[in-house]
PDB file of all heavy atoms in Angstrom:
ATOM      1  N   LEU A   1      36.475  -8.068 -32.205  1.00  0.00           N
ATOM      2  CA  LEU A   1      36.303  -7.511 -33.528  1.00  0.00           C
ATOM      3  C   LEU A   1      35.494  -6.210 -33.453  1.00  0.00           C
ATOM      4  O   LEU A   1      34.739  -5.969 -32.542  1.00  0.00           O
ATOM      5  CB  LEU A   1      35.560  -8.488 -34.436  1.00  0.00           C
ATOM      6  CG  LEU A   1      36.210  -9.886 -34.584  1.00  0.00           C
ATOM      7  CD1 LEU A   1      35.336 -10.759 -35.481  1.00  0.00           C
ATOM      8  CD2 LEU A   1      37.594  -9.736 -35.179  1.00  0.00           C
ATOM      9  N   PHE A   2      35.747  -5.352 -34.471  1.00  0.00           N
ATOM     10  CA  PHE A   2      34.923  -4.144 -34.623  1.00  0.00           C
ATOM     11  C   PHE A   2      33.444  -4.548 -34.654  1.00  0.00           C
ATOM     12  O   PHE A   2      33.071  -5.536 -35.300  1.00  0.00           O
ATOM     13  CB  PHE A   2      35.276  -3.439 -35.926  1.00  0.00           C
ATOM     14  CG  PHE A   2      36.567  -2.659 -35.906  1.00  0.00           C
ATOM     15  CD1 PHE A   2      37.321  -2.536 -37.053  1.00  0.00           C
ATOM     16  CD2 PHE A   2      37.029  -2.050 -34.765  1.00  0.00           C
ATOM     17  CE1 PHE A   2      38.505  -1.829 -37.071  1.00  0.00           C
ATOM     18  CE2 PHE A   2      38.230  -1.329 -34.749  1.00  0.00           C
ATOM     19  CZ  PHE A   2      38.950  -1.220 -35.898  1.00  0.00           C
ATOM     20  N   GLN A   3      32.606  -3.707 -34.028  1.00  0.00           N
ATOM     21  CA  GLN A   3      31.190  -3.936 -34.020  1.00  0.00           C
ATOM     22  C   GLN A   3      30.431  -2.726 -34.549  1.00  0.00           C
ATOM     23  O   GLN A   3      30.865  -1.570 -34.358  1.00  0.00           O
ATOM     24  CB  GLN A   3      30.686  -4.265 -32.617  1.00  0.00           C
ATOM     25  CG  GLN A   3      31.136  -5.591 -32.082  1.00  0.00           C
ATOM     26  CD  GLN A   3      30.578  -5.906 -30.705  1.00  0.00           C
ATOM     27  OE1 GLN A   3      29.805  -5.126 -30.165  1.00  0.00           O
ATOM     28  NE2 GLN A   3      30.976  -7.054 -30.165  1.00  0.00           N
ATOM     29  N   ASN A   4      29.298  -2.981 -35.155  1.00  0.00           N
ATOM     30  CA  ASN A   4      28.369  -1.953 -35.528  1.00  0.00           C
ATOM     31  C   ASN A   4      27.672  -1.393 -34.305  1.00  0.00           C
ATOM     32  O   ASN A   4      27.713  -2.027 -33.228  1.00  0.00           O
ATOM     33  CB  ASN A   4      27.337  -2.503 -36.534  1.00  0.00           C
ATOM     34  CG  ASN A   4      27.997  -3.013 -37.808  1.00  0.00           C
ATOM     35  OD1 ASN A   4      28.765  -2.316 -38.422  1.00  0.00           O
ATOM     36  ND2 ASN A   4      27.669  -4.242 -38.187  1.00  0.00           N
ATOM     37  N   PRO A   5      26.983  -0.264 -34.416  1.00  0.00           N
ATOM     38  CA  PRO A   5      26.311   0.303 -33.238  1.00  0.00           C
ATOM     39  C   PRO A   5      25.339  -0.647 -32.567  1.00  0.00           C
ATOM     40  O   PRO A   5      25.121  -0.568 -31.345  1.00  0.00           O
ATOM     41  CB  PRO A   5      25.601   1.512 -33.811  1.00  0.00           C
ATOM     42  CG  PRO A   5      26.444   1.936 -34.970  1.00  0.00           C
ATOM     43  CD  PRO A   5      26.951   0.651 -35.557  1.00  0.00           C
ATOM     44  N   ASP A   6      24.735  -1.569 -33.331  1.00  0.00           N
ATOM     45  CA  ASP A   6      23.749  -2.503 -32.730  1.00  0.00           C
ATOM     46  C   ASP A   6      24.402  -3.738 -32.114  1.00  0.00           C
ATOM     47  O   ASP A   6      23.713  -4.647 -31.663  1.00  0.00           O
ATOM     48  CB  ASP A   6      22.718  -2.939 -33.799  1.00  0.00           C
ATOM     49  CG  ASP A   6      23.342  -3.719 -34.968  1.00  0.00           C
ATOM     50  OD1 ASP A   6      24.565  -3.959 -34.928  1.00  0.00           O
ATOM     51  OD2 ASP A   6      22.600  -4.088 -35.877  1.00  0.00           O
ATOM     52  N   GLY A   7      25.724  -3.776 -32.081  1.00  0.00           N
ATOM     53  CA  GLY A   7      26.418  -4.880 -31.443  1.00  0.00           C
ATOM     54  C   GLY A   7      26.756  -6.015 -32.360  1.00  0.00           C
ATOM     55  O   GLY A   7      27.452  -6.966 -31.920  1.00  0.00           O
ATOM     56  N   THR A   8      26.335  -5.976 -33.615  1.00  0.00           N
ATOM     57  CA  THR A   8      26.702  -7.024 -34.562  1.00  0.00           C
ATOM     58  C   THR A   8      28.135  -6.768 -35.037  1.00  0.00           C
ATOM     59  O   THR A   8      28.641  -5.663 -35.033  1.00  0.00           O
ATOM     60  CB  THR A   8      25.754  -7.042 -35.757  1.00  0.00           C
ATOM     61  OG1 THR A   8      25.785  -5.759 -36.404  1.00  0.00           O
ATOM     62  CG2 THR A   8      24.336  -7.357 -35.308  1.00  0.00           C
ATOM     63  N   THR A   9      28.778  -7.828 -35.487  1.00  0.00           N
ATOM     64  CA  THR A   9      30.159  -7.751 -35.977  1.00  0.00           C
ATOM     65  C   THR A   9      30.182  -7.002 -37.316  1.00  0.00           C
ATOM     66  O   THR A   9      29.359  -7.283 -38.198  1.00  0.00           O
ATOM     67  CB  THR A   9      30.761  -9.125 -36.159  1.00  0.00           C
ATOM     68  OG1 THR A   9      30.806  -9.776 -34.878  1.00  0.00           O
ATOM     69  CG2 THR A   9      32.176  -9.061 -36.717  1.00  0.00           C
ATOM     70  N   PHE A  10      31.104  -6.065 -37.457  1.00  0.00           N
ATOM     71  CA  PHE A  10      31.309  -5.398 -38.715  1.00  0.00           C
ATOM     72  C   PHE A  10      31.815  -6.401 -39.723  1.00  0.00           C
ATOM     73  O   PHE A  10      32.919  -6.946 -39.583  1.00  0.00           O
ATOM     74  CB  PHE A  10      32.289  -4.234 -38.552  1.00  0.00           C
ATOM     75  CG  PHE A  10      32.620  -3.514 -39.810  1.00  0.00           C
ATOM     76  CD1 PHE A  10      31.649  -2.828 -40.527  1.00  0.00           C
ATOM     77  CD2 PHE A  10      33.908  -3.551 -40.329  1.00  0.00           C
ATOM     78  CE1 PHE A  10      31.971  -2.188 -41.728  1.00  0.00           C
ATOM     79  CE2 PHE A  10      34.233  -2.889 -41.509  1.00  0.00           C
ATOM     80  CZ  PHE A  10      33.255  -2.213 -42.211  1.00  0.00           C
ATOM     81  N   ASP A  11      31.032  -6.690 -40.738  1.00  0.00           N
ATOM     82  CA  ASP A  11      31.293  -7.803 -41.615  1.00  0.00           C
ATOM     83  C   ASP A  11      32.145  -7.340 -42.811  1.00  0.00           C
ATOM     84  O   ASP A  11      31.627  -6.864 -43.810  1.00  0.00           O
ATOM     85  CB  ASP A  11      29.998  -8.417 -42.115  1.00  0.00           C
ATOM     86  CG  ASP A  11      30.235  -9.666 -42.915  1.00  0.00           C
ATOM     87  OD1 ASP A  11      31.352 -10.205 -42.854  1.00  0.00           O
ATOM     88  OD2 ASP A  11      29.304 -10.097 -43.664  1.00  0.00           O
ATOM     89  N   TYR A  12      33.447  -7.440 -42.673  1.00  0.00           N
ATOM     90  CA  TYR A  12      34.374  -7.109 -43.743  1.00  0.00           C
ATOM     91  C   TYR A  12      35.465  -8.155 -43.707  1.00  0.00           C
ATOM     92  O   TYR A  12      36.258  -8.219 -42.758  1.00  0.00           O
ATOM     93  CB  TYR A  12      34.960  -5.719 -43.581  1.00  0.00           C
ATOM     94  CG  TYR A  12      35.911  -5.309 -44.699  1.00  0.00           C
ATOM     95  CD1 TYR A  12      35.409  -4.719 -45.839  1.00  0.00           C
ATOM     96  CD2 TYR A  12      37.267  -5.553 -44.604  1.00  0.00           C
ATOM     97  CE1 TYR A  12      36.277  -4.349 -46.897  1.00  0.00           C
ATOM     98  CE2 TYR A  12      38.116  -5.189 -45.622  1.00  0.00           C
ATOM     99  CZ  TYR A  12      37.642  -4.606 -46.753  1.00  0.00           C
ATOM    100  OH  TYR A  12      38.487  -4.241 -47.778  1.00  0.00           O
ATOM    101  N   SER A  13      35.501  -9.009 -44.709  1.00  0.00           N
ATOM    102  CA  SER A  13      36.507 -10.060 -44.808  1.00  0.00           C
ATOM    103  C   SER A  13      36.571 -10.910 -43.527  1.00  0.00           C
ATOM    104  O   SER A  13      37.658 -11.265 -43.040  1.00  0.00           O
ATOM    105  CB  SER A  13      37.896  -9.459 -45.091  1.00  0.00           C
ATOM    106  OG  SER A  13      37.861  -8.795 -46.332  1.00  0.00           O
ATOM    107  N   GLY A  14      35.421 -11.198 -42.969  1.00  0.00           N
ATOM    108  CA  GLY A  14      35.379 -12.022 -41.795  1.00  0.00           C
ATOM    109  C   GLY A  14      35.549 -11.260 -40.489  1.00  0.00           C
ATOM    110  O   GLY A  14      35.619 -11.873 -39.426  1.00  0.00           O
ATOM    111  N   GLY A  15      35.566  -9.952 -40.564  1.00  0.00           N
ATOM    112  CA  GLY A  15      35.732  -9.144 -39.353  1.00  0.00           C
ATOM    113  C   GLY A  15      37.117  -8.570 -39.256  1.00  0.00           C
ATOM    114  O   GLY A  15      38.094  -9.085 -39.835  1.00  0.00           O
ATOM    115  N   LEU A  16      37.244  -7.477 -38.525  1.00  0.00           N
ATOM    116  CA  LEU A  16      38.519  -6.791 -38.324  1.00  0.00           C
ATOM    117  C   LEU A  16      38.835  -6.672 -36.854  1.00  0.00           C
ATOM    118  O   LEU A  16      37.971  -6.260 -36.045  1.00  0.00           O
ATOM    119  CB  LEU A  16      38.477  -5.375 -38.923  1.00  0.00           C
ATOM    120  CG  LEU A  16      38.191  -5.232 -40.423  1.00  0.00           C
ATOM    121  CD1 LEU A  16      38.026  -3.777 -40.808  1.00  0.00           C
ATOM    122  CD2 LEU A  16      39.322  -5.871 -41.229  1.00  0.00           C
ATOM    123  N   PRO A  17      40.037  -7.026 -36.428  1.00  0.00           N
ATOM    124  CA  PRO A  17      40.392  -6.917 -34.989  1.00  0.00           C
ATOM    125  C   PRO A  17      40.315  -5.447 -34.548  1.00  0.00           C
ATOM    126  O   PRO A  17      40.805  -4.540 -35.212  1.00  0.00           O
ATOM    127  CB  PRO A  17      41.820  -7.409 -34.947  1.00  0.00           C
ATOM    128  CG  PRO A  17      41.952  -8.329 -36.141  1.00  0.00           C
ATOM    129  CD  PRO A  17      41.109  -7.689 -37.204  1.00  0.00           C
ATOM    130  N   SER A  18      39.725  -5.238 -33.415  1.00  0.00           N
ATOM    131  CA  SER A  18      39.572  -3.891 -32.860  1.00  0.00           C
ATOM    132  C   SER A  18      40.903  -3.304 -32.469  1.00  0.00           C
ATOM    133  O   SER A  18      41.741  -3.965 -31.829  1.00  0.00           O
ATOM    134  CB  SER A  18      38.647  -3.929 -31.642  1.00  0.00           C
ATOM    135  OG  SER A  18      38.660  -2.710 -30.950  1.00  0.00           O
ATOM    136  N   VAL A  19      41.130  -2.026 -32.807  1.00  0.00           N
ATOM    137  CA  VAL A  19      42.333  -1.328 -32.372  1.00  0.00           C
ATOM    138  C   VAL A  19      42.205  -0.829 -30.943  1.00  0.00           C
ATOM    139  O   VAL A  19      43.180  -0.362 -30.346  1.00  0.00           O
ATOM    140  CB  VAL A  19      42.681  -0.133 -33.289  1.00  0.00           C
ATOM    141  CG1 VAL A  19      42.871  -0.607 -34.740  1.00  0.00           C
ATOM    142  CG2 VAL A  19      41.633   0.952 -33.227  1.00  0.00           C
ATOM    143  N   PHE A  20      41.015  -0.964 -30.361  1.00  0.00           N
ATOM    144  CA  PHE A  20      40.785  -0.495 -28.993  1.00  0.00           C
ATOM    145  C   PHE A  20      41.071  -1.585 -27.976  1.00  0.00           C
ATOM    146  O   PHE A  20      41.201  -1.303 -26.794  1.00  0.00           O
ATOM    147  CB  PHE A  20      39.344  -0.028 -28.808  1.00  0.00           C
ATOM    148  CG  PHE A  20      38.955   1.092 -29.744  1.00  0.00           C
ATOM    149  CD1 PHE A  20      38.355   0.828 -30.961  1.00  0.00           C
ATOM    150  CD2 PHE A  20      39.208   2.418 -29.436  1.00  0.00           C
ATOM    151  CE1 PHE A  20      38.009   1.818 -31.845  1.00  0.00           C
ATOM    152  CE2 PHE A  20      38.871   3.436 -30.295  1.00  0.00           C
ATOM    153  CZ  PHE A  20      38.285   3.148 -31.508  1.00  0.00           C
ATOM    154  N   SER A  21      41.198  -2.817 -28.428  1.00  0.00           N
ATOM    155  CA  SER A  21      41.405  -3.955 -27.530  1.00  0.00           C
ATOM    156  C   SER A  21      42.868  -4.072 -27.121  1.00  0.00           C
ATOM    157  O   SER A  21      43.752  -4.230 -27.981  1.00  0.00           O
ATOM    158  CB  SER A  21      40.973  -5.232 -28.213  1.00  0.00           C
ATOM    159  OG  SER A  21      41.466  -6.376 -27.539  1.00  0.00           O
ATOM    160  N   ALA A  22      43.138  -4.014 -25.833  1.00  0.00           N
ATOM    161  CA  ALA A  22      44.515  -4.158 -25.354  1.00  0.00           C
ATOM    162  C   ALA A  22      45.065  -5.553 -25.657  1.00  0.00           C
ATOM    163  O   ALA A  22      46.229  -5.704 -25.989  1.00  0.00           O
ATOM    164  CB  ALA A  22      44.551  -3.891 -23.862  1.00  0.00           C
ATOM    165  N   THR A  23      44.202  -6.567 -25.592  1.00  0.00           N
ATOM    166  CA  THR A  23      44.628  -7.915 -25.909  1.00  0.00           C
ATOM    167  C   THR A  23      45.063  -8.045 -27.351  1.00  0.00           C
ATOM    168  O   THR A  23      46.091  -8.639 -27.696  1.00  0.00           O
ATOM    169  CB  THR A  23      43.508  -8.921 -25.583  1.00  0.00           C
ATOM    170  OG1 THR A  23      43.154  -8.826 -24.207  1.00  0.00           O
ATOM    171  CG2 THR A  23      43.934 -10.326 -25.897  1.00  0.00           C
ATOM    172  N   ASN A  24      44.229  -7.525 -28.254  1.00  0.00           N
ATOM    173  CA  ASN A  24      44.585  -7.543 -29.685  1.00  0.00           C
ATOM    174  C   ASN A  24      45.918  -6.876 -29.907  1.00  0.00           C
ATOM    175  O   ASN A  24      46.789  -7.393 -30.607  1.00  0.00           O
ATOM    176  CB  ASN A  24      43.540  -6.798 -30.515  1.00  0.00           C
ATOM    177  CG  ASN A  24      42.223  -7.538 -30.622  1.00  0.00           C
ATOM    178  OD1 ASN A  24      42.084  -8.657 -30.112  1.00  0.00           O
ATOM    179  ND2 ASN A  24      41.268  -6.934 -31.275  1.00  0.00           N
ATOM    180  N   ARG A  25      46.070  -5.736 -29.290  1.00  0.00           N
ATOM    181  CA  ARG A  25      47.257  -4.906 -29.528  1.00  0.00           C
ATOM    182  C   ARG A  25      48.513  -5.635 -29.051  1.00  0.00           C
ATOM    183  O   ARG A  25      49.547  -5.641 -29.780  1.00  0.00           O
ATOM    184  CB  ARG A  25      47.119  -3.577 -28.810  1.00  0.00           C
ATOM    185  CG  ARG A  25      48.346  -2.706 -28.863  1.00  0.00           C
ATOM    186  CD  ARG A  25      47.964  -1.336 -28.374  1.00  0.00           C
ATOM    187  NE  ARG A  25      49.104  -0.480 -28.103  1.00  0.00           N
ATOM    188  CZ  ARG A  25      49.070   0.827 -28.059  1.00  0.00           C
ATOM    189  NH1 ARG A  25      47.926   1.440 -28.316  1.00  0.00           N
ATOM    190  NH2 ARG A  25      50.123   1.559 -27.793  1.00  0.00           N
ATOM    191  N   VAL A  26      48.484  -6.256 -27.873  1.00  0.00           N
ATOM    192  CA  VAL A  26      49.630  -6.965 -27.374  1.00  0.00           C
ATOM    193  C   VAL A  26      50.071  -8.060 -28.342  1.00  0.00           C
ATOM    194  O   VAL A  26      51.264  -8.239 -28.668  1.00  0.00           O
ATOM    195  CB  VAL A  26      49.322  -7.560 -25.985  1.00  0.00           C
ATOM    196  CG1 VAL A  26      50.397  -8.576 -25.589  1.00  0.00           C
ATOM    197  CG2 VAL A  26      49.268  -6.440 -24.934  1.00  0.00           C
ATOM    198  N   GLN A  27      49.096  -8.842 -28.821  1.00  0.00           N
ATOM    199  CA  GLN A  27      49.414  -9.931 -29.715  1.00  0.00           C
ATOM    200  C   GLN A  27      49.894  -9.449 -31.071  1.00  0.00           C
ATOM    201  O   GLN A  27      50.852  -9.999 -31.653  1.00  0.00           O
ATOM    202  CB  GLN A  27      48.167 -10.837 -29.896  1.00  0.00           C
ATOM    203  CG  GLN A  27      47.682 -11.471 -28.626  1.00  0.00           C
ATOM    204  CD  GLN A  27      48.637 -12.547 -28.084  1.00  0.00           C
ATOM    205  OE1 GLN A  27      49.573 -12.974 -28.756  1.00  0.00           O
ATOM    206  NE2 GLN A  27      48.413 -12.963 -26.843  1.00  0.00           N
ATOM    207  N   GLN A  28      49.246  -8.433 -31.614  1.00  0.00           N
ATOM    208  CA  GLN A  28      49.632  -7.912 -32.935  1.00  0.00           C
ATOM    209  C   GLN A  28      51.070  -7.321 -32.880  1.00  0.00           C
ATOM    210  O   GLN A  28      51.896  -7.600 -33.747  1.00  0.00           O
ATOM    211  CB  GLN A  28      48.637  -6.849 -33.387  1.00  0.00           C
ATOM    212  CG  GLN A  28      47.288  -7.405 -33.787  1.00  0.00           C
ATOM    213  CD  GLN A  28      46.277  -6.309 -34.043  1.00  0.00           C
ATOM    214  OE1 GLN A  28      46.252  -5.299 -33.335  1.00  0.00           O
ATOM    215  NE2 GLN A  28      45.446  -6.486 -35.065  1.00  0.00           N
ATOM    216  N   HIS A  29      51.319  -6.534 -31.870  1.00  0.00           N
ATOM    217  CA  HIS A  29      52.622  -5.875 -31.818  1.00  0.00           C
ATOM    218  C   HIS A  29      53.754  -6.833 -31.400  1.00  0.00           C
ATOM    219  O   HIS A  29      54.901  -6.595 -31.703  1.00  0.00           O
ATOM    220  CB  HIS A  29      52.542  -4.646 -30.865  1.00  0.00           C
ATOM    221  CG  HIS A  29      51.777  -3.512 -31.465  1.00  0.00           C
ATOM    222  ND1 HIS A  29      51.390  -2.413 -30.742  1.00  0.00           N
ATOM    223  CD2 HIS A  29      51.287  -3.335 -32.715  1.00  0.00           C
ATOM    224  CE1 HIS A  29      50.703  -1.588 -31.540  1.00  0.00           C
ATOM    225  NE2 HIS A  29      50.636  -2.158 -32.722  1.00  0.00           N
ATOM    226  N   ARG A  30      53.378  -7.918 -30.727  1.00  0.00           N
ATOM    227  CA  ARG A  30      54.377  -8.960 -30.468  1.00  0.00           C
ATOM    228  C   ARG A  30      54.844  -9.565 -31.808  1.00  0.00           C
ATOM    229  O   ARG A  30      56.038  -9.798 -31.985  1.00  0.00           O
ATOM    230  CB  ARG A  30      53.801 -10.050 -29.551  1.00  0.00           C
ATOM    231  CG  ARG A  30      54.816 -11.121 -29.188  1.00  0.00           C
ATOM    232  CD  ARG A  30      54.190 -12.186 -28.279  1.00  0.00           C
ATOM    233  NE  ARG A  30      53.237 -13.028 -28.995  1.00  0.00           N
ATOM    234  CZ  ARG A  30      52.654 -14.103 -28.452  1.00  0.00           C
ATOM    235  NH1 ARG A  30      52.966 -14.454 -27.191  1.00  0.00           N
ATOM    236  NH2 ARG A  30      51.805 -14.808 -29.161  1.00  0.00           N
ATOM    237  N   PHE A  31      53.903  -9.778 -32.717  1.00  0.00           N
ATOM    238  CA  PHE A  31      54.268 -10.282 -34.034  1.00  0.00           C
ATOM    239  C   PHE A  31      55.116  -9.270 -34.776  1.00  0.00           C
ATOM    240  O   PHE A  31      56.109  -9.596 -35.417  1.00  0.00           O
ATOM    241  CB  PHE A  31      53.019 -10.647 -34.831  1.00  0.00           C
ATOM    242  CG  PHE A  31      53.276 -10.806 -36.301  1.00  0.00           C
ATOM    243  CD1 PHE A  31      54.166 -11.744 -36.766  1.00  0.00           C
ATOM    244  CD2 PHE A  31      52.651  -9.963 -37.224  1.00  0.00           C
ATOM    245  CE1 PHE A  31      54.418 -11.875 -38.132  1.00  0.00           C
ATOM    246  CE2 PHE A  31      52.890 -10.081 -38.562  1.00  0.00           C
ATOM    247  CZ  PHE A  31      53.771 -11.023 -39.046  1.00  0.00           C
ATOM    248  N   VAL A  32      54.695  -7.990 -34.743  1.00  0.00           N
ATOM    249  CA  VAL A  32      55.430  -6.922 -35.429  1.00  0.00           C
ATOM    250  C   VAL A  32      56.867  -6.891 -34.922  1.00  0.00           C
ATOM    251  O   VAL A  32      57.850  -6.795 -35.705  1.00  0.00           O
ATOM    252  CB  VAL A  32      54.757  -5.558 -35.213  1.00  0.00           C
ATOM    253  CG1 VAL A  32      55.630  -4.419 -35.744  1.00  0.00           C
ATOM    254  CG2 VAL A  32      53.390  -5.549 -35.897  1.00  0.00           C
TER     255      VAL A  32
END
């Protein structure tokens, strides 16, 4: 998930998957 500069999770609707993560991207685009 996206993180704030201090390492805490960016708290928006339970967190947002990072666009920088290769693992996230593979799974998301497989669904797409």
